[in-house]
Amino acid sequence: MSQYGFPVLYALFVWWFSTGIIIWLDNLPRRTFPWSMAGGTLVCAISLWRLRQGGGDVSVTGAYAAFTYGVLIWGWQEMSFFMGVITGPRTEACPADASGWRRFRLALDTCLYHELTILGTAAAIVALTWGAPNKVGLWTFCVLWAMRQSSKLNVFAGVLNLNEQFLPVHLRYLSSYMRRRAMNLFFPVAVTVASVALGWLVQRAVAADTNAFKAAGLTFVATMLALAILEHWFLILPLPFAELWSWALRVRDRPRRLRLVRRAAPDCTAVPIPSSR
């Protein structure tokens, strides 16, 4: 069972920790964003290069590596959006009278450049791994992309938990494109399709003719898909799942705490200093 258990545990940790790091970085003061993006871009470039170099590695270690690179590349996409570096031509709140296709078009304009960047990155990964037997990184990226699109559509159509607390201050206008409701018609379709795909991945991972490399790779992709499905359920269930990353959101309170400390500190300039003579 270790050939499945270890990949599941590793994927769980990478999902939780990488999400928290991105939330933490995105909520730091904006003066830190150029440094964060520079470091993230370097990591993304190295990950793309390593996917190319490791395309022929069909060992279990190769599956771990490719999965990690796929997550790191996706992390750069998320950073670039939530830091406001690559978003879209519209950076304003949704007009109160917007509805239907007009509302959808305006919402798309808030992330158009980001979506095009993801398309370009996906094409780059396909080109770099073309003909290579190790495509774990590609499938990891594609699952994260597909489920993120589904999540965006569900939030746009209406869910109970909008999770707007995760939006940095400079992107708060995005909450005006979200809709709060108990359920929408797209949600059961999205979850059902994803669940069927998850069942197929699990079936292939545990098949008797699946070697160790494929078992690890399929387990990684299946775990990320299962977590994405769980995140979808978080959208409609009244559960405090945001506590999973509360440690990353505390960075927002640091400037406010510093201001309060400064206001509460006594004015030492008014205190007389006794003479030593």
C-alpha atoms as a PDB file:
ATOM      1  CA  MET A   1       0.000   0.000   0.000  1.00  0.00           C
ATOM      2  CA  SER A   2       3.011   2.308   0.343  1.00  0.00           C
ATOM      3  CA  GLN A   3       3.034   2.847  -3.437  1.00  0.00           C
ATOM      4  CA  TYR A   4      -0.313   4.610  -2.982  1.00  0.00           C
ATOM      5  CA  GLY A   5      -0.122   5.901   0.588  1.00  0.00           C
ATOM      6  CA  PHE A   6       3.097   7.871   0.251  1.00  0.00           C
ATOM      7  CA  PRO A   7       2.008   9.681  -2.951  1.00  0.00           C
ATOM      8  CA  VAL A   8      -1.336  10.554  -1.326  1.00  0.00           C
ATOM      9  CA  LEU A   9       0.363  11.963   1.778  1.00  0.00           C
ATOM     10  CA  TYR A  10       2.897  13.870  -0.305  1.00  0.00           C
ATOM     11  CA  ALA A  11       0.176  15.351  -2.522  1.00  0.00           C
ATOM     12  CA  LEU A  12      -1.867  16.353   0.547  1.00  0.00           C
ATOM     13  CA  PHE A  13       1.102  18.179   2.045  1.00  0.00           C
ATOM     14  CA  VAL A  14       2.049  19.893  -1.219  1.00  0.00           C
ATOM     15  CA  TRP A  15      -1.580  21.003  -1.742  1.00  0.00           C
ATOM     16  CA  TRP A  16      -1.950  22.408   1.780  1.00  0.00           C
ATOM     17  CA  PHE A  17       1.492  23.993   2.089  1.00  0.00           C
ATOM     18  CA  SER A  18       1.738  25.465  -1.428  1.00  0.00           C
ATOM     19  CA  THR A  19      -1.753  26.985  -1.115  1.00  0.00           C
ATOM     20  CA  GLY A  20      -0.816  28.540   2.206  1.00  0.00           C
ATOM     21  CA  ILE A  21       2.465  29.955   0.889  1.00  0.00           C
ATOM     22  CA  ILE A  22       0.696  31.573  -2.078  1.00  0.00           C
ATOM     23  CA  ILE A  23      -1.967  33.081   0.207  1.00  0.00           C
ATOM     24  CA  TRP A  24       0.754  34.359   2.522  1.00  0.00           C
ATOM     25  CA  LEU A  25       2.802  35.922  -0.284  1.00  0.00           C
ATOM     26  CA  ASP A  26      -0.261  37.479  -1.928  1.00  0.00           C
ATOM     27  CA  ASN A  27      -1.228  39.232   1.314  1.00  0.00           C
ATOM     28  CA  LEU A  28       2.172  40.725   2.054  1.00  0.00           C
ATOM     29  CA  PRO A  29       2.696  44.465   1.384  1.00  0.00           C
ATOM     30  CA  ARG A  30       2.695  45.199  -2.344  1.00  0.00           C
ATOM     31  CA  ARG A  31       6.295  46.394  -2.211  1.00  0.00           C
ATOM     32  CA  THR A  32       7.282  42.733  -1.788  1.00  0.00           C
ATOM     33  CA  PHE A  33       5.504  41.585  -4.949  1.00  0.00           C
ATOM     34  CA  PRO A  34       8.361  42.236  -7.409  1.00  0.00           C
ATOM     35  CA  TRP A  35      10.693  40.095  -5.298  1.00  0.00           C
ATOM     36  CA  SER A  36       8.098  37.348  -4.896  1.00  0.00           C
ATOM     37  CA  MET A  37       7.330  37.325  -8.620  1.00  0.00           C
ATOM     38  CA  ALA A  38      11.024  37.279  -9.504  1.00  0.00           C
ATOM     39  CA  GLY A  39      11.584  34.268  -7.290  1.00  0.00           C
ATOM     40  CA  GLY A  40       8.398  32.575  -8.498  1.00  0.00           C
ATOM     41  CA  THR A  41       9.296  33.162 -12.144  1.00  0.00           C
ATOM     42  CA  LEU A  42      12.727  31.616 -11.601  1.00  0.00           C
ATOM     43  CA  VAL A  43      11.156  28.577  -9.938  1.00  0.00           C
ATOM     44  CA  CYS A  44       8.624  28.297 -12.790  1.00  0.00           C
ATOM     45  CA  ALA A  45      11.361  28.463 -15.435  1.00  0.00           C
ATOM     46  CA  ILE A  46      13.443  25.827 -13.668  1.00  0.00           C
ATOM     47  CA  SER A  47      10.372  23.607 -13.309  1.00  0.00           C
ATOM     48  CA  LEU A  48       9.613  23.858 -17.030  1.00  0.00           C
ATOM     49  CA  TRP A  49      13.217  23.000 -17.839  1.00  0.00           C
ATOM     50  CA  ARG A  50      13.200  20.049 -15.438  1.00  0.00           C
ATOM     51  CA  LEU A  51       9.969  18.726 -16.979  1.00  0.00           C
ATOM     52  CA  ARG A  52      11.776  18.726 -20.306  1.00  0.00           C
ATOM     53  CA  GLN A  53      14.899  17.094 -18.871  1.00  0.00           C
ATOM     54  CA  GLY A  54      12.969  14.491 -16.904  1.00  0.00           C
ATOM     55  CA  GLY A  55      10.488  13.572 -19.596  1.00  0.00           C
ATOM     56  CA  GLY A  56      12.133  10.198 -20.074  1.00  0.00           C
ATOM     57  CA  ASP A  57      12.363   9.349 -16.379  1.00  0.00           C
ATOM     58  CA  VAL A  58       9.751   6.673 -15.708  1.00  0.00           C
ATOM     59  CA  SER A  59      10.910   5.837 -12.192  1.00  0.00           C
ATOM     60  CA  VAL A  60       8.825   6.498  -9.084  1.00  0.00           C
ATOM     61  CA  THR A  61      11.214   9.358  -8.261  1.00  0.00           C
ATOM     62  CA  GLY A  62      10.540  10.780 -11.716  1.00  0.00           C
ATOM     63  CA  ALA A  63       6.800  10.745 -10.982  1.00  0.00           C
ATOM     64  CA  TYR A  64       7.344  12.614  -7.704  1.00  0.00           C
ATOM     65  CA  ALA A  65       9.539  15.178  -9.445  1.00  0.00           C
ATOM     66  CA  ALA A  66       7.178  15.781 -12.365  1.00  0.00           C
ATOM     67  CA  PHE A  67       4.205  16.167 -10.028  1.00  0.00           C
ATOM     68  CA  THR A  68       6.112  18.711  -7.944  1.00  0.00           C
ATOM     69  CA  TYR A  69       7.129  20.702 -11.024  1.00  0.00           C
ATOM     70  CA  GLY A  70       3.544  20.738 -12.282  1.00  0.00           C
ATOM     71  CA  VAL A  71       2.320  22.154  -8.962  1.00  0.00           C
ATOM     72  CA  LEU A  72       5.107  24.761  -8.878  1.00  0.00           C
ATOM     73  CA  ILE A  73       4.268  25.937 -12.397  1.00  0.00           C
ATOM     74  CA  TRP A  74       0.608  26.221 -11.447  1.00  0.00           C
ATOM     75  CA  GLY A  75       1.610  28.102  -8.301  1.00  0.00           C
ATOM     76  CA  TRP A  76       3.289  30.746 -10.450  1.00  0.00           C
ATOM     77  CA  GLN A  77       0.036  31.193 -12.366  1.00  0.00           C
ATOM     78  CA  GLU A  78      -1.864  31.709  -9.119  1.00  0.00           C
ATOM     79  CA  MET A  79       0.727  34.132  -7.748  1.00  0.00           C
ATOM     80  CA  SER A  80       0.722  36.242 -10.885  1.00  0.00           C
ATOM     81  CA  PHE A  81      -3.046  36.629 -10.701  1.00  0.00           C
ATOM     82  CA  PHE A  82      -3.561  37.244  -7.001  1.00  0.00           C
ATOM     83  CA  MET A  83      -0.674  39.691  -6.883  1.00  0.00           C
ATOM     84  CA  GLY A  84      -2.420  41.630  -9.639  1.00  0.00           C
ATOM     85  CA  VAL A  85       0.502  41.228 -12.059  1.00  0.00           C
ATOM     86  CA  ILE A  86      -1.401  39.280 -14.731  1.00  0.00           C
ATOM     87  CA  THR A  87      -5.153  39.751 -14.453  1.00  0.00           C
ATOM     88  CA  GLY A  88      -7.243  41.344 -17.207  1.00  0.00           C
ATOM     89  CA  PRO A  89      -8.197  44.661 -18.842  1.00  0.00           C
ATOM     90  CA  ARG A  90     -10.914  45.339 -16.261  1.00  0.00           C
ATOM     91  CA  THR A  91      -9.950  46.222 -12.707  1.00  0.00           C
ATOM     92  CA  GLU A  92     -13.248  47.670 -11.523  1.00  0.00           C
ATOM     93  CA  ALA A  93     -16.258  46.317  -9.662  1.00  0.00           C
ATOM     94  CA  CYS A  94     -19.190  44.882 -11.567  1.00  0.00           C
ATOM     95  CA  PRO A  95     -21.916  47.459 -12.318  1.00  0.00           C
ATOM     96  CA  ALA A  96     -25.021  46.883 -10.237  1.00  0.00           C
ATOM     97  CA  ASP A  97     -27.235  46.626 -13.323  1.00  0.00           C
ATOM     98  CA  ALA A  98     -25.056  44.061 -15.154  1.00  0.00           C
ATOM     99  CA  SER A  99     -26.629  40.665 -15.723  1.00  0.00           C
ATOM    100  CA  GLY A 100     -26.603  37.698 -18.081  1.00  0.00           C
ATOM    101  CA  TRP A 101     -23.963  37.628 -20.806  1.00  0.00           C
ATOM    102  CA  ARG A 102     -22.882  41.195 -20.082  1.00  0.00           C
ATOM    103  CA  ARG A 103     -22.009  40.237 -16.516  1.00  0.00           C
ATOM    104  CA  PHE A 104     -20.158  37.163 -17.795  1.00  0.00           C
ATOM    105  CA  ARG A 105     -18.184  39.235 -20.305  1.00  0.00           C
ATOM    106  CA  LEU A 106     -17.217  41.771 -17.662  1.00  0.00           C
ATOM    107  CA  ALA A 107     -16.167  38.979 -15.319  1.00  0.00           C
ATOM    108  CA  LEU A 108     -14.053  37.434 -18.061  1.00  0.00           C
ATOM    109  CA  ASP A 109     -12.377  40.795 -18.640  1.00  0.00           C
ATOM    110  CA  THR A 110     -11.111  40.752 -15.046  1.00  0.00           C
ATOM    111  CA  CYS A 111      -8.979  37.652 -15.727  1.00  0.00           C
ATOM    112  CA  LEU A 112      -8.581  37.522 -19.523  1.00  0.00           C
ATOM    113  CA  TYR A 113      -4.790  37.988 -19.599  1.00  0.00           C
ATOM    114  CA  HIS A 114      -4.441  35.414 -16.844  1.00  0.00           C
ATOM    115  CA  GLU A 115      -6.457  32.852 -18.790  1.00  0.00           C
ATOM    116  CA  LEU A 116      -4.411  33.472 -21.928  1.00  0.00           C
ATOM    117  CA  THR A 117      -1.214  33.040 -19.913  1.00  0.00           C
ATOM    118  CA  ILE A 118      -2.452  29.691 -18.620  1.00  0.00           C
ATOM    119  CA  LEU A 119      -3.211  28.600 -22.190  1.00  0.00           C
ATOM    120  CA  GLY A 120       0.298  29.594 -23.234  1.00  0.00           C
ATOM    121  CA  THR A 121       1.860  27.772 -20.286  1.00  0.00           C
ATOM    122  CA  ALA A 122      -0.161  24.631 -20.980  1.00  0.00           C
ATOM    123  CA  ALA A 123       0.970  24.741 -24.614  1.00  0.00           C
ATOM    124  CA  ALA A 124       4.576  25.114 -23.457  1.00  0.00           C
ATOM    125  CA  ILE A 125       4.293  22.067 -21.185  1.00  0.00           C
ATOM    126  CA  VAL A 126       2.744  20.033 -24.007  1.00  0.00           C
ATOM    127  CA  ALA A 127       5.598  21.048 -26.330  1.00  0.00           C
ATOM    128  CA  LEU A 128       8.286  20.329 -23.725  1.00  0.00           C
ATOM    129  CA  THR A 129       6.908  16.878 -22.900  1.00  0.00           C
ATOM    130  CA  TRP A 130       5.828  15.933 -26.420  1.00  0.00           C
ATOM    131  CA  GLY A 131       6.660  12.304 -27.079  1.00  0.00           C
ATOM    132  CA  ALA A 132       8.021  11.816 -23.549  1.00  0.00           C
ATOM    133  CA  PRO A 133       6.624   8.964 -21.450  1.00  0.00           C
ATOM    134  CA  ASN A 134       6.541  10.995 -18.231  1.00  0.00           C
ATOM    135  CA  LYS A 135       3.567  13.337 -18.478  1.00  0.00           C
ATOM    136  CA  VAL A 136       2.697  13.473 -14.782  1.00  0.00           C
ATOM    137  CA  GLY A 137       3.500  17.189 -14.639  1.00  0.00           C
ATOM    138  CA  LEU A 138       1.284  17.915 -17.641  1.00  0.00           C
ATOM    139  CA  TRP A 139      -1.702  16.020 -16.247  1.00  0.00           C
ATOM    140  CA  THR A 140      -1.242  17.609 -12.833  1.00  0.00           C
ATOM    141  CA  PHE A 141      -1.296  21.075 -14.397  1.00  0.00           C
ATOM    142  CA  CYS A 142      -4.330  20.222 -16.542  1.00  0.00           C
ATOM    143  CA  VAL A 143      -6.340  18.886 -13.585  1.00  0.00           C
ATOM    144  CA  LEU A 144      -5.578  21.988 -11.525  1.00  0.00           C
ATOM    145  CA  TRP A 145      -6.520  24.196 -14.473  1.00  0.00           C
ATOM    146  CA  ALA A 146      -9.782  22.404 -15.254  1.00  0.00           C
ATOM    147  CA  MET A 147     -10.950  22.355 -11.657  1.00  0.00           C
ATOM    148  CA  ARG A 148     -10.008  26.004 -11.138  1.00  0.00           C
ATOM    149  CA  GLN A 149     -12.146  26.905 -14.143  1.00  0.00           C
ATOM    150  CA  SER A 150     -15.005  24.902 -12.674  1.00  0.00           C
ATOM    151  CA  SER A 151     -14.577  26.658  -9.336  1.00  0.00           C
ATOM    152  CA  LYS A 152     -14.645  30.074 -11.010  1.00  0.00           C
ATOM    153  CA  LEU A 153     -17.822  29.239 -12.901  1.00  0.00           C
ATOM    154  CA  ASN A 154     -19.493  27.989  -9.730  1.00  0.00           C
ATOM    155  CA  VAL A 155     -18.572  31.121  -7.792  1.00  0.00           C
ATOM    156  CA  PHE A 156     -19.865  33.221 -10.687  1.00  0.00           C
ATOM    157  CA  ALA A 157     -23.147  31.271 -10.852  1.00  0.00           C
ATOM    158  CA  GLY A 158     -23.606  31.349  -7.090  1.00  0.00           C
ATOM    159  CA  VAL A 159     -22.506  29.321  -4.073  1.00  0.00           C
ATOM    160  CA  LEU A 160     -22.940  29.560  -0.328  1.00  0.00           C
ATOM    161  CA  ASN A 161     -19.291  30.229   0.538  1.00  0.00           C
ATOM    162  CA  LEU A 162     -17.635  32.794  -1.707  1.00  0.00           C
ATOM    163  CA  ASN A 163     -14.337  32.672   0.211  1.00  0.00           C
ATOM    164  CA  GLU A 164     -13.772  36.357  -0.405  1.00  0.00           C
ATOM    165  CA  GLN A 165     -11.568  36.441   2.699  1.00  0.00           C
ATOM    166  CA  PHE A 166      -8.814  34.932   0.556  1.00  0.00           C
ATOM    167  CA  LEU A 167      -8.860  37.880  -1.858  1.00  0.00           C
ATOM    168  CA  PRO A 168      -6.037  40.368  -1.245  1.00  0.00           C
ATOM    169  CA  VAL A 169      -7.113  43.964  -0.673  1.00  0.00           C
ATOM    170  CA  HIS A 170      -6.143  45.055  -4.187  1.00  0.00           C
ATOM    171  CA  LEU A 171      -8.468  42.418  -5.714  1.00  0.00           C
ATOM    172  CA  ARG A 172     -11.504  42.954  -3.522  1.00  0.00           C
ATOM    173  CA  TYR A 173     -13.426  44.264  -6.536  1.00  0.00           C
ATOM    174  CA  LEU A 174     -13.635  40.654  -7.769  1.00  0.00           C
ATOM    175  CA  SER A 175     -16.161  39.850  -5.052  1.00  0.00           C
ATOM    176  CA  SER A 176     -18.724  41.986  -6.923  1.00  0.00           C
ATOM    177  CA  TYR A 177     -18.708  39.397  -9.729  1.00  0.00           C
ATOM    178  CA  MET A 178     -19.534  36.589  -7.307  1.00  0.00           C
ATOM    179  CA  ARG A 179     -23.019  35.562  -6.306  1.00  0.00           C
ATOM    180  CA  ARG A 180     -24.127  34.049  -3.010  1.00  0.00           C
ATOM    181  CA  ARG A 181     -26.793  31.355  -3.188  1.00  0.00           C
ATOM    182  CA  ALA A 182     -27.271  27.875  -1.746  1.00  0.00           C
ATOM    183  CA  MET A 183     -26.768  26.058  -5.059  1.00  0.00           C
ATOM    184  CA  ASN A 184     -26.502  26.527  -8.803  1.00  0.00           C
ATOM    185  CA  LEU A 185     -27.336  24.184 -11.669  1.00  0.00           C
ATOM    186  CA  PHE A 186     -23.735  23.846 -12.810  1.00  0.00           C
ATOM    187  CA  PHE A 187     -22.442  22.531  -9.470  1.00  0.00           C
ATOM    188  CA  PRO A 188     -23.886  18.965  -9.603  1.00  0.00           C
ATOM    189  CA  VAL A 189     -22.764  18.593 -13.213  1.00  0.00           C
ATOM    190  CA  ALA A 190     -19.208  19.679 -12.426  1.00  0.00           C
ATOM    191  CA  VAL A 191     -18.905  17.462  -9.347  1.00  0.00           C
ATOM    192  CA  THR A 192     -20.401  14.449 -11.138  1.00  0.00           C
ATOM    193  CA  VAL A 193     -18.073  14.717 -14.142  1.00  0.00           C
ATOM    194  CA  ALA A 194     -15.057  15.190 -11.868  1.00  0.00           C
ATOM    195  CA  SER A 195     -16.104  12.242  -9.693  1.00  0.00           C
ATOM    196  CA  VAL A 196     -16.430   9.956 -12.729  1.00  0.00           C
ATOM    197  CA  ALA A 197     -12.957  11.023 -13.865  1.00  0.00           C
ATOM    198  CA  LEU A 198     -11.637  10.373 -10.351  1.00  0.00           C
ATOM    199  CA  GLY A 199     -13.121   6.871 -10.367  1.00  0.00           C
ATOM    200  CA  TRP A 200     -11.435   6.127 -13.690  1.00  0.00           C
ATOM    201  CA  LEU A 201      -8.050   7.359 -12.396  1.00  0.00           C
ATOM    202  CA  VAL A 202      -8.310   5.257  -9.257  1.00  0.00           C
ATOM    203  CA  GLN A 203      -9.298   2.202 -11.282  1.00  0.00           C
ATOM    204  CA  ARG A 204      -6.280   2.638 -13.535  1.00  0.00           C
ATOM    205  CA  ALA A 205      -3.945   3.252 -10.582  1.00  0.00           C
ATOM    206  CA  VAL A 206      -4.870  -0.012  -8.842  1.00  0.00           C
ATOM    207  CA  ALA A 207      -5.073  -2.126 -12.000  1.00  0.00           C
ATOM    208  CA  ALA A 208      -2.938  -5.267 -11.962  1.00  0.00           C
ATOM    209  CA  ASP A 209      -1.011  -4.271 -15.106  1.00  0.00           C
ATOM    210  CA  THR A 210      -0.055  -0.809 -13.754  1.00  0.00           C
ATOM    211  CA  ASN A 211       3.648  -0.504 -12.950  1.00  0.00           C
ATOM    212  CA  ALA A 212       5.089   1.467 -10.014  1.00  0.00           C
ATOM    213  CA  PHE A 213       5.702   4.638 -12.036  1.00  0.00           C
ATOM    214  CA  LYS A 214       2.180   4.768 -13.446  1.00  0.00           C
ATOM    215  CA  ALA A 215       0.673   3.894 -10.066  1.00  0.00           C
ATOM    216  CA  ALA A 216       2.480   6.823  -8.422  1.00  0.00           C
ATOM    217  CA  GLY A 217       1.678   9.240 -11.236  1.00  0.00           C
ATOM    218  CA  LEU A 218      -1.992   8.288 -11.387  1.00  0.00           C
ATOM    219  CA  THR A 219      -2.232   8.497  -7.598  1.00  0.00           C
ATOM    220  CA  PHE A 220      -0.812  12.024  -7.625  1.00  0.00           C
ATOM    221  CA  VAL A 221      -3.264  13.203 -10.267  1.00  0.00           C
ATOM    222  CA  ALA A 222      -6.186  11.394  -8.625  1.00  0.00           C
ATOM    223  CA  THR A 223      -5.371  12.919  -5.230  1.00  0.00           C
ATOM    224  CA  MET A 224      -5.278  16.437  -6.644  1.00  0.00           C
ATOM    225  CA  LEU A 225      -8.582  15.822  -8.409  1.00  0.00           C
ATOM    226  CA  ALA A 226     -10.111  14.469  -5.183  1.00  0.00           C
ATOM    227  CA  LEU A 227      -8.919  17.559  -3.294  1.00  0.00           C
ATOM    228  CA  ALA A 228     -10.371  19.802  -6.000  1.00  0.00           C
ATOM    229  CA  ILE A 229     -13.715  18.003  -5.668  1.00  0.00           C
ATOM    230  CA  LEU A 230     -13.506  18.491  -1.900  1.00  0.00           C
ATOM    231  CA  GLU A 231     -12.856  22.204  -2.463  1.00  0.00           C
ATOM    232  CA  HIS A 232     -16.002  22.300  -4.579  1.00  0.00           C
ATOM    233  CA  TRP A 233     -18.014  20.866  -1.687  1.00  0.00           C
ATOM    234  CA  PHE A 234     -16.451  23.499   0.552  1.00  0.00           C
ATOM    235  CA  LEU A 235     -18.210  26.059  -1.638  1.00  0.00           C
ATOM    236  CA  ILE A 236     -21.671  24.925  -0.563  1.00  0.00           C
ATOM    237  CA  LEU A 237     -21.188  23.292   2.860  1.00  0.00           C
ATOM    238  CA  PRO A 238     -21.172  25.456   6.020  1.00  0.00           C
ATOM    239  CA  LEU A 239     -17.773  24.243   7.219  1.00  0.00           C
ATOM    240  CA  PRO A 240     -14.890  26.399   8.546  1.00  0.00           C
ATOM    241  CA  PHE A 241     -12.401  25.018   6.023  1.00  0.00           C
ATOM    242  CA  ALA A 242     -10.687  28.424   5.797  1.00  0.00           C
ATOM    243  CA  GLU A 243      -9.046  27.566   9.122  1.00  0.00           C
ATOM    244  CA  LEU A 244      -6.729  25.252   7.174  1.00  0.00           C
ATOM    245  CA  TRP A 245      -4.849  28.344   6.009  1.00  0.00           C
ATOM    246  CA  SER A 246      -5.531  30.758   8.868  1.00  0.00           C
ATOM    247  CA  TRP A 247      -1.789  30.869   9.513  1.00  0.00           C
ATOM    248  CA  ALA A 248      -1.261  32.348   6.034  1.00  0.00           C
ATOM    249  CA  LEU A 249      -3.934  35.041   6.488  1.00  0.00           C
ATOM    250  CA  ARG A 250      -2.475  36.341   9.767  1.00  0.00           C
ATOM    251  CA  VAL A 251       0.045  38.355   7.763  1.00  0.00           C
ATOM    252  CA  ARG A 252      -2.776  40.838   7.029  1.00  0.00           C
ATOM    253  CA  ASP A 253      -3.089  41.713  10.707  1.00  0.00           C
ATOM    254  CA  ARG A 254       0.609  42.437  11.189  1.00  0.00           C
ATOM    255  CA  PRO A 255       0.586  46.062   9.919  1.00  0.00           C
ATOM    256  CA  ARG A 256      -2.539  46.779  11.960  1.00  0.00           C
ATOM    257  CA  ARG A 257      -0.958  45.306  15.097  1.00  0.00           C
ATOM    258  CA  LEU A 258       2.163  47.394  14.539  1.00  0.00           C
ATOM    259  CA  ARG A 259       0.059  50.560  14.228  1.00  0.00           C
ATOM    260  CA  LEU A 260      -1.777  49.736  17.435  1.00  0.00           C
ATOM    261  CA  VAL A 261       1.494  49.130  19.265  1.00  0.00           C
ATOM    262  CA  ARG A 262       2.892  52.445  18.073  1.00  0.00           C
ATOM    263  CA  ARG A 263      -0.242  54.281  19.208  1.00  0.00           C
ATOM    264  CA  ALA A 264      -0.184  52.586  22.583  1.00  0.00           C
ATOM    265  CA  ALA A 265       3.533  53.145  23.176  1.00  0.00           C
ATOM    266  CA  PRO A 266       4.337  55.955  25.666  1.00  0.00           C
ATOM    267  CA  ASP A 267       6.006  59.103  24.418  1.00  0.00           C
ATOM    268  CA  CYS A 268       9.466  58.671  25.908  1.00  0.00           C
ATOM    269  CA  THR A 269      10.570  62.109  24.783  1.00  0.00           C
ATOM    270  CA  ALA A 270       8.458  63.654  27.538  1.00  0.00           C
ATOM    271  CA  VAL A 271      10.086  61.662  30.309  1.00  0.00           C
ATOM    272  CA  PRO A 272      12.843  63.627  32.091  1.00  0.00           C
ATOM    273  CA  ILE A 273      16.220  61.896  32.228  1.00  0.00           C
ATOM    274  CA  PRO A 274      17.854  62.153  35.629  1.00  0.00           C
ATOM    275  CA  SER A 275      21.296  63.683  35.727  1.00  0.00           C
ATOM    276  CA  SER A 276      24.222  61.438  36.638  1.00  0.00           C
ATOM    277  CA  ARG A 277      25.948  64.267  38.463  1.00  0.00           C
END
